[in-house]
């Protein structure tokens, strides 16, 4: 067992190391350049399209609205990484890590756009009449049979990783937070979470999308409102906090207080890795959800899908990072959820811990729902739609042991598999870049003609 643990520890260091970061950032930057930075130039358009896509419209070739599909994707990405992940990045890399997190998001918007575009362009209709898409289908239908093994690899990595990173780790985080804040035994939390999870996912993507489009906006607005309150309390420190973030992105941070000091490379590596972990740009998961959305055009879906990266990182992660820096707790020596809790308590004495626990619970629960759909489509790709009900039951039952067990090793394995998902996805994006560029040009050319 020790040898196996050591193997995955080494492998995890490789797959989440500098080469992977270079591959993910390099792919995103390459796509931005090939697209003429179109994703960055269309952020405003993206928000307008999100609002307009709430109604089903004329397009009927999907199970849920594009808005519900985006909320489903966000339900999986806006999770513990937005609270614990950001705090860890700052605790290890200093305030400058937040700057590199932003850069990851701006580059990652092109990656997310391309992932969703290909997922919708190459999606299929299964034998139950539902749409299925994602990197595995983009590889199979876009690259041909000689590359099919790459799609199979993605589905295996995603199907296994989901039970850890998207299920048991999330229920464990919820149970630990509720026990610490309210003194509720983990087994009670586990039972409640199991019932709630089953009630949602047993209804499939339509029920997941219905819950996500109501719960995700609520939890994001609640969290942002709490942080805005903290920023108002410490408004005089905001300029200094922003100065720290930009300065320490390019200069080392000296040791002080409980902070051990950080190099620029540490800030860059932690900011990028935690940013990727949070918004999942490069992992290919968002396309699985967006492929279920009604749409007339893959580019349309891509423009909506790319906004998930902006909302997750530029909005939600920034809120956490700013709260930690303006309150001055970033150099306390704490990390993860503890550091975020200190920031909330500093800005909202007496209730900050409760507010953070509620946010963490909602974030993690919606992640369980979003990843349930990702994993389901991976296993259906591998074994067919006959896996649907057994998978949903197994996913629901996995929530309880996640809440009550120690997950050090399962977390390590799942985190490693999660990173391995990026390799098949990024290769397919690079190989299919001509298709991405062509479809994008055709869409905007047609739009320009329509305007005339």
Protein backbone atom coordinates (compact mmCIF):
# COMPACT_ATOMS: atom_id res chain seq x y z
CA UNK A 1 0.00 0.00 0.00
CA UNK A 2 2.85 2.37 0.81
CA UNK A 3 4.41 1.68 -2.58
CA UNK A 4 1.09 2.42 -4.30
CA UNK A 5 0.70 5.64 -2.33
CA UNK A 6 4.24 6.68 -3.24
CA UNK A 7 3.57 5.91 -6.92
CA UNK A 8 0.46 8.11 -7.06
CA UNK A 9 2.20 10.84 -5.10
CA UNK A 10 4.97 10.92 -7.68
CA UNK A 11 2.54 10.71 -10.59
CA UNK A 12 0.40 13.48 -9.12
CA UNK A 13 3.43 15.74 -8.87
CA UNK A 14 4.11 15.13 -12.55
CA UNK A 15 0.59 15.54 -13.93
CA UNK A 16 -0.07 18.70 -11.91
CA UNK A 17 3.50 19.94 -12.38
CA UNK A 18 5.10 22.50 -14.67
CA UNK A 19 4.78 20.45 -17.91
CA UNK A 20 1.00 20.16 -17.48
CA UNK A 21 0.70 23.84 -16.62
CA UNK A 22 2.70 24.75 -19.73
CA UNK A 23 0.54 22.44 -21.87
CA UNK A 24 -2.74 23.89 -20.57
CA UNK A 25 -1.64 27.53 -20.73
CA UNK A 26 0.13 27.01 -24.04
CA UNK A 27 -2.96 25.44 -25.60
CA UNK A 28 -5.17 28.26 -24.32
CA UNK A 29 -2.81 30.97 -25.56
CA UNK A 30 -2.46 29.26 -28.95
CA UNK A 31 -6.24 29.10 -29.30
CA UNK A 32 -6.62 32.75 -28.26
CA UNK A 33 -4.14 33.79 -30.94
CA UNK A 34 -5.69 31.59 -33.65
CA UNK A 35 -9.13 33.01 -32.76
CA UNK A 36 -7.84 36.59 -32.81
CA UNK A 37 -8.64 36.91 -29.08
CA UNK A 38 -12.31 36.60 -29.96
CA UNK A 39 -13.30 35.20 -26.51
CA UNK A 40 -11.89 38.25 -24.71
CA UNK A 41 -13.55 40.62 -27.18
CA UNK A 42 -16.93 39.00 -26.62
CA UNK A 43 -17.25 38.89 -22.83
CA UNK A 44 -20.11 41.40 -22.91
CA UNK A 45 -21.82 39.45 -25.66
CA UNK A 46 -21.41 36.28 -23.62
CA UNK A 47 -23.30 37.72 -20.66
CA UNK A 48 -26.11 38.95 -22.94
CA UNK A 49 -26.35 35.50 -24.52
CA UNK A 50 -26.55 33.83 -21.12
CA UNK A 51 -29.51 36.04 -20.18
CA UNK A 52 -31.24 35.49 -23.51
CA UNK A 53 -30.75 31.71 -23.37
CA UNK A 54 -32.89 31.21 -20.28
CA UNK A 55 -35.92 30.49 -22.49
CA UNK A 56 -35.93 27.37 -24.72
CA UNK A 57 -36.44 29.43 -27.90
CA UNK A 58 -36.87 27.88 -31.31
CA UNK A 59 -34.09 25.30 -31.04
CA UNK A 60 -35.32 21.95 -29.73
CA UNK A 61 -32.30 19.75 -30.33
CA UNK A 62 -31.36 19.27 -26.71
CA UNK A 63 -32.71 18.30 -23.31
CA UNK A 64 -32.25 21.58 -21.40
CA UNK A 65 -31.81 25.27 -22.20
CA UNK A 66 -28.29 26.63 -22.86
CA UNK A 67 -28.68 28.60 -19.62
CA UNK A 68 -29.44 25.43 -17.64
CA UNK A 69 -26.51 23.70 -19.34
CA UNK A 70 -24.17 26.52 -18.26
CA UNK A 71 -25.53 26.38 -14.70
CA UNK A 72 -24.94 22.61 -14.69
CA UNK A 73 -21.34 23.17 -15.80
CA UNK A 74 -20.92 25.90 -13.18
CA UNK A 75 -22.41 23.64 -10.52
CA UNK A 76 -19.47 21.30 -11.09
CA UNK A 77 -16.77 23.99 -11.25
CA UNK A 78 -17.89 26.41 -8.54
CA UNK A 79 -16.93 24.21 -5.62
CA UNK A 80 -14.44 23.82 -2.79
CA UNK A 81 -11.67 25.03 -5.12
CA UNK A 82 -13.21 28.51 -5.06
CA UNK A 83 -12.87 28.64 -1.27
CA UNK A 84 -10.17 26.20 -0.14
CA UNK A 85 -8.21 26.18 -3.41
CA UNK A 86 -7.84 29.96 -3.65
CA UNK A 87 -6.86 30.18 0.01
CA UNK A 88 -4.21 27.49 -0.43
CA UNK A 89 -2.79 29.24 -3.50
CA UNK A 90 -2.41 32.51 -1.57
CA UNK A 91 -1.12 30.76 1.56
CA UNK A 92 1.69 29.11 -0.42
CA UNK A 93 2.30 31.52 -3.30
CA UNK A 94 1.37 34.83 -1.70
CA UNK A 95 -1.11 37.45 -2.99
CA UNK A 96 0.51 37.33 -6.45
CA UNK A 97 -1.03 33.88 -6.98
CA UNK A 98 -4.38 35.59 -7.51
CA UNK A 99 -2.98 37.56 -10.46
CA UNK A 100 -1.81 34.37 -12.16
CA UNK A 101 -5.19 32.82 -11.46
CA UNK A 102 -6.74 35.68 -13.44
CA UNK A 103 -4.32 35.16 -16.31
CA UNK A 104 -5.21 31.47 -16.35
CA UNK A 105 -8.88 32.38 -16.68
CA UNK A 106 -8.36 34.82 -19.54
CA UNK A 107 -6.33 32.23 -21.44
CA UNK A 108 -8.69 29.46 -20.38
CA UNK A 109 -11.72 31.20 -21.87
CA UNK A 110 -10.44 30.22 -25.32
CA UNK A 111 -9.89 26.65 -24.15
CA UNK A 112 -13.38 26.42 -22.67
CA UNK A 113 -14.89 27.95 -25.81
CA UNK A 114 -13.14 25.36 -27.98
CA UNK A 115 -14.11 22.47 -25.70
CA UNK A 116 -17.78 23.35 -25.78
CA UNK A 117 -17.79 24.09 -29.52
CA UNK A 118 -16.34 20.67 -30.35
CA UNK A 119 -18.56 18.89 -27.83
CA UNK A 120 -21.68 20.30 -29.48
CA UNK A 121 -20.38 19.98 -33.04
CA UNK A 122 -19.62 16.27 -32.65
CA UNK A 123 -22.32 15.22 -30.19
CA UNK A 124 -24.51 12.20 -30.81
CA UNK A 125 -28.04 11.12 -29.99
CA UNK A 126 -28.09 7.94 -27.91
CA UNK A 127 -30.58 5.09 -28.12
CA UNK A 128 -32.80 6.88 -25.60
CA UNK A 129 -33.03 9.94 -27.81
CA UNK A 130 -30.82 12.14 -25.58
CA UNK A 131 -27.80 14.13 -26.72
CA UNK A 132 -24.35 13.06 -25.57
CA UNK A 133 -21.12 14.95 -26.15
CA UNK A 134 -17.75 15.84 -24.70
CA UNK A 135 -14.08 15.24 -25.52
CA UNK A 136 -14.61 11.52 -26.08
CA UNK A 137 -17.17 12.19 -28.83
CA UNK A 138 -15.11 15.04 -30.31
CA UNK A 139 -12.15 12.66 -30.57
CA UNK A 140 -14.22 9.78 -31.95
CA UNK A 141 -16.17 11.80 -34.53
CA UNK A 142 -13.68 14.57 -35.21
CA UNK A 143 -10.37 12.72 -35.38
CA UNK A 144 -11.57 9.33 -36.62
CA UNK A 145 -11.24 5.71 -35.57
CA UNK A 146 -7.44 5.74 -35.28
CA UNK A 147 -7.75 8.18 -32.37
CA UNK A 148 -10.68 6.48 -30.67
CA UNK A 149 -8.41 5.04 -27.97
CA UNK A 150 -7.75 8.61 -26.84
CA UNK A 151 -11.45 9.21 -26.29
CA UNK A 152 -11.67 5.93 -24.37
CA UNK A 153 -8.80 7.07 -22.14
CA UNK A 154 -10.60 10.32 -21.35
CA UNK A 155 -13.81 8.46 -20.49
CA UNK A 156 -11.98 6.05 -18.17
CA UNK A 157 -10.14 8.86 -16.38
CA UNK A 158 -13.33 10.92 -16.05
CA UNK A 159 -15.54 8.00 -15.05
CA UNK A 160 -13.20 7.02 -12.21
CA UNK A 161 -12.09 10.49 -11.10
CA UNK A 162 -15.68 11.61 -10.65
CA UNK A 163 -16.34 9.29 -7.72
CA UNK A 164 -13.46 10.87 -5.84
CA UNK A 165 -13.09 14.49 -6.79
CA UNK A 166 -16.72 15.06 -7.76
CA UNK A 167 -18.44 13.00 -5.09
CA UNK A 168 -16.71 11.63 -1.99
CA UNK A 169 -14.28 14.52 -1.55
CA UNK A 170 -17.17 17.00 -1.80
CA UNK A 171 -19.38 15.17 0.72
CA UNK A 172 -16.37 14.88 3.03
CA UNK A 173 -15.79 18.66 2.85
CA UNK A 174 -19.45 19.34 3.62
CA UNK A 175 -19.54 16.95 6.58
CA UNK A 176 -16.30 18.35 8.04
CA UNK A 177 -17.46 21.96 7.70
CA UNK A 178 -20.88 21.29 9.23
CA UNK A 179 -19.36 19.32 12.11
CA UNK A 180 -16.86 22.10 12.86
CA UNK A 181 -19.42 24.91 12.67
CA UNK A 182 -22.61 23.31 13.97
CA UNK A 183 -21.40 20.16 15.77
CA UNK A 184 -23.47 17.81 13.57
CA UNK A 185 -22.09 14.27 13.34
CA UNK A 186 -20.74 13.38 9.86
CA UNK A 187 -23.03 10.35 9.55
CA UNK A 188 -26.10 12.56 9.87
CA UNK A 189 -24.80 14.89 7.18
CA UNK A 190 -23.98 11.85 5.06
CA UNK A 191 -27.53 10.49 5.27
CA UNK A 192 -29.09 13.86 4.39
CA UNK A 193 -26.70 14.40 1.47
CA UNK A 194 -27.35 10.90 0.15
CA UNK A 195 -31.11 11.46 0.13
CA UNK A 196 -30.82 14.89 -1.51
CA UNK A 197 -28.36 13.63 -4.12
CA UNK A 198 -30.56 10.69 -5.05
CA UNK A 199 -33.65 12.90 -5.27
CA UNK A 200 -31.92 15.04 -7.90
CA UNK A 201 -29.70 12.79 -10.02
CA UNK A 202 -32.15 9.91 -10.33
CA UNK A 203 -34.18 12.33 -12.45
CA UNK A 204 -31.36 12.73 -14.98
CA UNK A 205 -30.04 15.84 -16.73
CA UNK A 206 -33.43 17.58 -16.86
CA UNK A 207 -33.77 17.51 -13.07
CA UNK A 208 -30.08 18.32 -12.53
CA UNK A 209 -30.40 21.28 -14.91
CA UNK A 210 -33.61 22.44 -13.23
CA UNK A 211 -32.00 22.40 -9.78
CA UNK A 212 -28.74 23.94 -11.04
CA UNK A 213 -30.39 26.89 -12.78
CA UNK A 214 -32.07 27.84 -9.50
CA UNK A 215 -29.40 26.94 -6.95
CA UNK A 216 -26.20 28.09 -8.71
CA UNK A 217 -27.22 31.75 -9.23
CA UNK A 218 -28.50 31.91 -5.64
CA UNK A 219 -25.30 30.52 -4.10
CA UNK A 220 -23.05 32.72 -6.24
CA UNK A 221 -25.02 35.88 -5.42
CA UNK A 222 -25.06 34.97 -1.71
CA UNK A 223 -21.31 34.43 -1.67
CA UNK A 224 -20.53 37.59 -3.63
CA UNK A 225 -22.82 39.61 -1.33
CA UNK A 226 -20.94 38.35 1.74
CA UNK A 227 -17.56 39.28 0.25
CA UNK A 228 -18.83 42.67 -0.90
CA UNK A 229 -19.86 43.33 2.70
CA UNK A 230 -16.32 42.44 3.82
CA UNK A 231 -14.83 44.71 1.15
CA UNK A 232 -17.03 47.58 2.34
CA UNK A 233 -15.82 47.04 5.91
CA UNK A 234 -12.18 47.13 4.74
CA UNK A 235 -12.66 49.52 1.80
CA UNK A 236 -9.63 51.62 2.78
CA UNK A 237 -7.36 48.58 2.32
CA UNK A 238 -8.55 47.70 -1.21
CA UNK A 239 -5.92 49.82 -3.07
CA UNK A 240 -3.11 48.34 -0.94
CA UNK A 241 -4.50 44.82 -1.48
CA UNK A 242 -4.57 45.26 -5.26
CA UNK A 243 -1.02 46.64 -5.11
CA UNK A 244 0.11 43.53 -3.21
CA UNK A 245 -1.53 41.24 -5.77
CA UNK A 246 0.10 42.91 -8.78
CA UNK A 247 3.46 43.52 -7.10
CA UNK A 248 3.93 40.02 -5.75
CA UNK A 249 2.96 38.47 -9.07
CA UNK A 250 6.40 39.57 -10.30
CA UNK A 251 8.49 39.94 -7.12
CA UNK A 252 9.19 37.46 -4.28
CA UNK A 253 7.26 37.73 -1.04
CA UNK A 254 9.41 37.94 2.09
CA UNK A 255 8.60 35.79 5.11
CA UNK A 256 6.52 37.58 7.71
CA UNK A 257 4.01 36.69 10.39
CA UNK A 258 3.15 33.05 9.80
CA UNK A 259 3.98 33.31 6.09
CA UNK A 260 7.09 31.40 5.04
CA UNK A 261 7.85 33.49 1.98
CA UNK A 262 7.29 32.72 -1.70
CA UNK A 263 9.13 33.05 -4.99
CA UNK A 264 7.55 34.35 -8.19
CA UNK A 265 7.57 30.78 -9.52
CA UNK A 266 5.61 29.60 -6.49
CA UNK A 267 3.03 32.35 -7.03
CA UNK A 268 2.76 31.47 -10.72
CA UNK A 269 2.56 27.70 -10.22
CA UNK A 270 0.02 27.83 -7.38
CA UNK A 271 -2.09 30.47 -9.07
CA UNK A 272 -2.21 28.59 -12.36
CA UNK A 273 -2.73 25.11 -10.88
CA UNK A 274 -5.47 26.23 -8.48
CA UNK A 275 -7.09 28.30 -11.23
CA UNK A 276 -7.22 25.27 -13.52
CA UNK A 277 -8.48 23.09 -10.67
CA UNK A 278 -11.29 25.56 -10.03
CA UNK A 279 -12.50 26.49 -13.52
CA UNK A 280 -11.54 23.15 -15.21
CA UNK A 281 -10.56 24.92 -18.46
CA UNK A 282 -8.53 22.28 -20.28
CA UNK A 283 -10.13 19.29 -18.60
CA UNK A 284 -12.97 19.11 -21.12
CA UNK A 285 -15.80 18.60 -18.63
CA UNK A 286 -17.95 21.65 -19.48
CA UNK A 287 -18.61 20.37 -22.99
CA UNK A 288 -20.33 17.29 -21.57
CA UNK A 289 -22.99 19.47 -19.95
CA UNK A 290 -23.26 21.98 -22.79
CA UNK A 291 -23.83 19.15 -25.30
CA UNK A 292 -27.21 18.56 -23.65
CA UNK A 293 -28.29 22.15 -24.29
CA UNK A 294 -30.64 23.25 -27.05
CA UNK A 295 -28.77 25.12 -29.76
CA UNK A 296 -28.73 25.81 -33.48
CA UNK A 297 -24.99 26.37 -33.66
CA UNK A 298 -21.91 25.00 -31.89
CA UNK A 299 -20.31 28.48 -31.79
CA UNK A 300 -23.38 29.82 -29.99
CA UNK A 301 -22.92 27.16 -27.31
CA UNK A 302 -19.20 27.88 -27.13
CA UNK A 303 -19.76 31.59 -26.50
CA UNK A 304 -22.08 30.78 -23.60
CA UNK A 305 -19.87 27.98 -22.28
CA UNK A 306 -16.70 30.11 -22.15
CA UNK A 307 -18.41 32.44 -19.67
CA UNK A 308 -18.27 29.68 -17.09
CA UNK A 309 -14.52 30.26 -16.77
CA UNK A 310 -15.01 34.01 -16.38
CA UNK A 311 -17.72 33.61 -13.73
CA UNK A 312 -15.89 30.90 -11.80
CA UNK A 313 -12.46 32.54 -11.63
CA UNK A 314 -12.68 36.26 -12.42
CA UNK A 315 -15.80 36.66 -10.27
CA UNK A 316 -16.08 33.97 -7.58
CA UNK A 317 -12.39 33.12 -7.01
CA UNK A 318 -11.54 36.83 -6.99
CA UNK A 319 -14.04 37.36 -4.20
CA UNK A 320 -12.29 34.79 -2.01
CA UNK A 321 -8.83 36.14 -2.82
CA UNK A 322 -9.74 39.77 -2.18
CA UNK A 323 -11.39 38.90 1.13
CA UNK A 324 -8.24 37.07 2.28
CA UNK A 325 -5.90 39.90 1.25
CA UNK A 326 -7.89 42.94 2.44
CA UNK A 327 -8.50 41.42 5.86
CA UNK A 328 -4.75 40.89 6.25
CA UNK A 329 -5.02 37.21 7.23
CA UNK A 330 -3.13 35.95 4.15
CA UNK A 331 0.17 35.83 6.07
CA UNK A 332 -1.24 34.18 9.20
CA UNK A 333 0.23 30.78 8.39
CA UNK A 334 -3.18 29.18 7.93
CA UNK A 335 -4.31 27.59 4.69
CA UNK A 336 -7.37 26.18 2.94
CA UNK A 337 -10.81 26.56 4.47
CA UNK A 338 -9.30 27.72 7.79
CA UNK A 339 -7.75 30.74 6.08
CA UNK A 340 -10.97 31.63 4.27
CA UNK A 341 -12.88 31.29 7.56
CA UNK A 342 -10.46 33.70 9.27
CA UNK A 343 -11.10 36.24 6.51
CA UNK A 344 -14.89 35.93 6.81
CA UNK A 345 -14.77 36.18 10.59
CA UNK A 346 -12.58 39.28 10.36
CA UNK A 347 -15.12 41.00 8.11
CA UNK A 348 -18.29 39.51 9.60
CA UNK A 349 -17.53 38.82 13.29
CA UNK A 350 -19.76 36.17 14.82
CA UNK A 351 -21.48 35.14 11.59
CA UNK A 352 -18.63 34.90 9.08
CA UNK A 353 -17.95 31.25 9.85
CA UNK A 354 -21.60 30.33 9.41
CA UNK A 355 -21.81 32.22 6.10
CA UNK A 356 -18.72 30.46 4.78
CA UNK A 357 -19.97 27.04 5.87
CA UNK A 358 -23.29 27.64 4.10
CA UNK A 359 -21.46 28.73 0.94
CA UNK A 360 -19.10 25.76 1.07
CA UNK A 361 -22.02 23.37 1.56
CA UNK A 362 -23.90 24.74 -1.44
CA UNK A 363 -20.77 24.86 -3.60
CA UNK A 364 -19.80 21.28 -2.79
CA UNK A 365 -23.34 19.88 -3.12
CA UNK A 366 -23.82 21.35 -6.58
CA UNK A 367 -20.43 19.92 -7.56
CA UNK A 368 -21.76 16.47 -6.66
CA UNK A 369 -24.71 17.05 -9.00
CA UNK A 370 -22.67 18.39 -11.91
CA UNK A 371 -20.03 15.68 -11.74
CA UNK A 372 -22.74 13.03 -11.50
CA UNK A 373 -23.73 13.89 -15.06
CA UNK A 374 -20.12 14.04 -16.28
CA UNK A 375 -19.38 10.59 -14.91
CA UNK A 376 -22.63 9.18 -16.27
CA UNK A 377 -21.78 10.24 -19.81
CA UNK A 378 -18.27 8.84 -19.51
CA UNK A 379 -19.56 5.42 -18.48
CA UNK A 380 -22.29 5.48 -21.12
CA UNK A 381 -19.62 6.17 -23.74
CA UNK A 382 -17.69 3.13 -22.50
CA UNK A 383 -20.51 0.67 -21.77
CA UNK A 384 -23.72 2.07 -23.26
CA UNK A 385 -26.92 3.57 -21.84
CA UNK A 386 -27.67 0.37 -19.88
CA UNK A 387 -25.31 1.75 -17.20
CA UNK A 388 -27.60 4.71 -16.50
CA UNK A 389 -29.63 3.46 -13.53
CA UNK A 390 -26.90 1.33 -11.88
CA UNK A 391 -24.50 4.29 -12.18
CA UNK A 392 -26.94 6.76 -10.62
CA UNK A 393 -27.63 4.40 -7.72
CA UNK A 394 -23.91 3.75 -7.15
CA UNK A 395 -23.15 7.48 -7.33
CA UNK A 396 -25.82 8.21 -4.74
CA UNK A 397 -24.57 5.48 -2.40
CA UNK A 398 -20.96 6.75 -2.67
CA UNK A 399 -21.94 10.01 -0.98
CA UNK A 400 -22.31 8.49 2.49
CA UNK A 401 -18.88 6.82 2.84
CA UNK A 402 -17.35 10.01 1.48
CA UNK A 403 -18.91 11.95 4.34
CA UNK A 404 -17.69 9.67 7.12
CA UNK A 405 -14.36 8.21 5.88
CA UNK A 406 -10.78 9.44 5.69
CA UNK A 407 -10.04 10.18 2.04
CA UNK A 408 -6.34 10.97 1.83
CA UNK A 409 -5.49 8.20 -0.63
CA UNK A 410 -8.76 8.27 -2.64
CA UNK A 411 -8.31 12.03 -2.97
CA UNK A 412 -4.78 11.57 -4.27
CA UNK A 413 -5.87 9.01 -6.87
CA UNK A 414 -8.88 11.06 -7.99
CA UNK A 415 -6.85 14.25 -8.24
CA UNK A 416 -4.30 12.43 -10.40
CA UNK A 417 -6.96 10.98 -12.71
CA UNK A 418 -8.59 14.40 -12.92
CA UNK A 419 -5.37 15.88 -14.29
CA UNK A 420 -4.91 12.98 -16.72
CA UNK A 421 -8.26 13.93 -18.29
CA UNK A 422 -6.57 17.05 -19.64
CA UNK A 423 -4.10 15.20 -21.88
CA UNK A 424 -6.59 13.60 -24.34
CA UNK A 425 -8.70 16.74 -24.30
CA UNK A 426 -5.85 19.16 -25.02
CA UNK A 427 -4.46 16.95 -27.79
CA UNK A 428 -7.87 16.90 -29.48
CA UNK A 429 -8.15 20.70 -29.20
CA UNK A 430 -4.77 21.19 -30.86
CA UNK A 431 -5.50 18.68 -33.62
CA UNK A 432 -8.95 20.11 -34.28
CA UNK A 433 -7.95 23.78 -34.12
CA UNK A 434 -8.60 24.25 -37.89
CA UNK A 435 -12.20 23.12 -37.35
CA UNK A 436 -12.60 25.47 -34.39
CA UNK A 437 -11.28 28.44 -36.36
CA UNK A 438 -13.33 27.63 -39.47
CA UNK A 439 -16.63 27.25 -37.59
CA UNK A 440 -15.97 30.48 -35.71
CA UNK A 441 -15.23 32.45 -38.87
CA UNK A 442 -18.33 31.07 -40.60
CA UNK A 443 -20.54 32.01 -37.64
CA UNK A 444 -19.34 35.61 -37.42
CA UNK A 445 -19.32 35.99 -41.21
CA UNK A 446 -22.95 34.84 -41.37
CA UNK A 447 -23.80 37.18 -38.53
CA UNK A 448 -22.14 40.10 -40.30
CA UNK A 449 -24.13 39.39 -43.49
CA UNK A 450 -27.35 39.22 -41.48
CA UNK A 451 -26.63 42.66 -39.96
CA UNK A 452 -26.12 44.15 -43.42
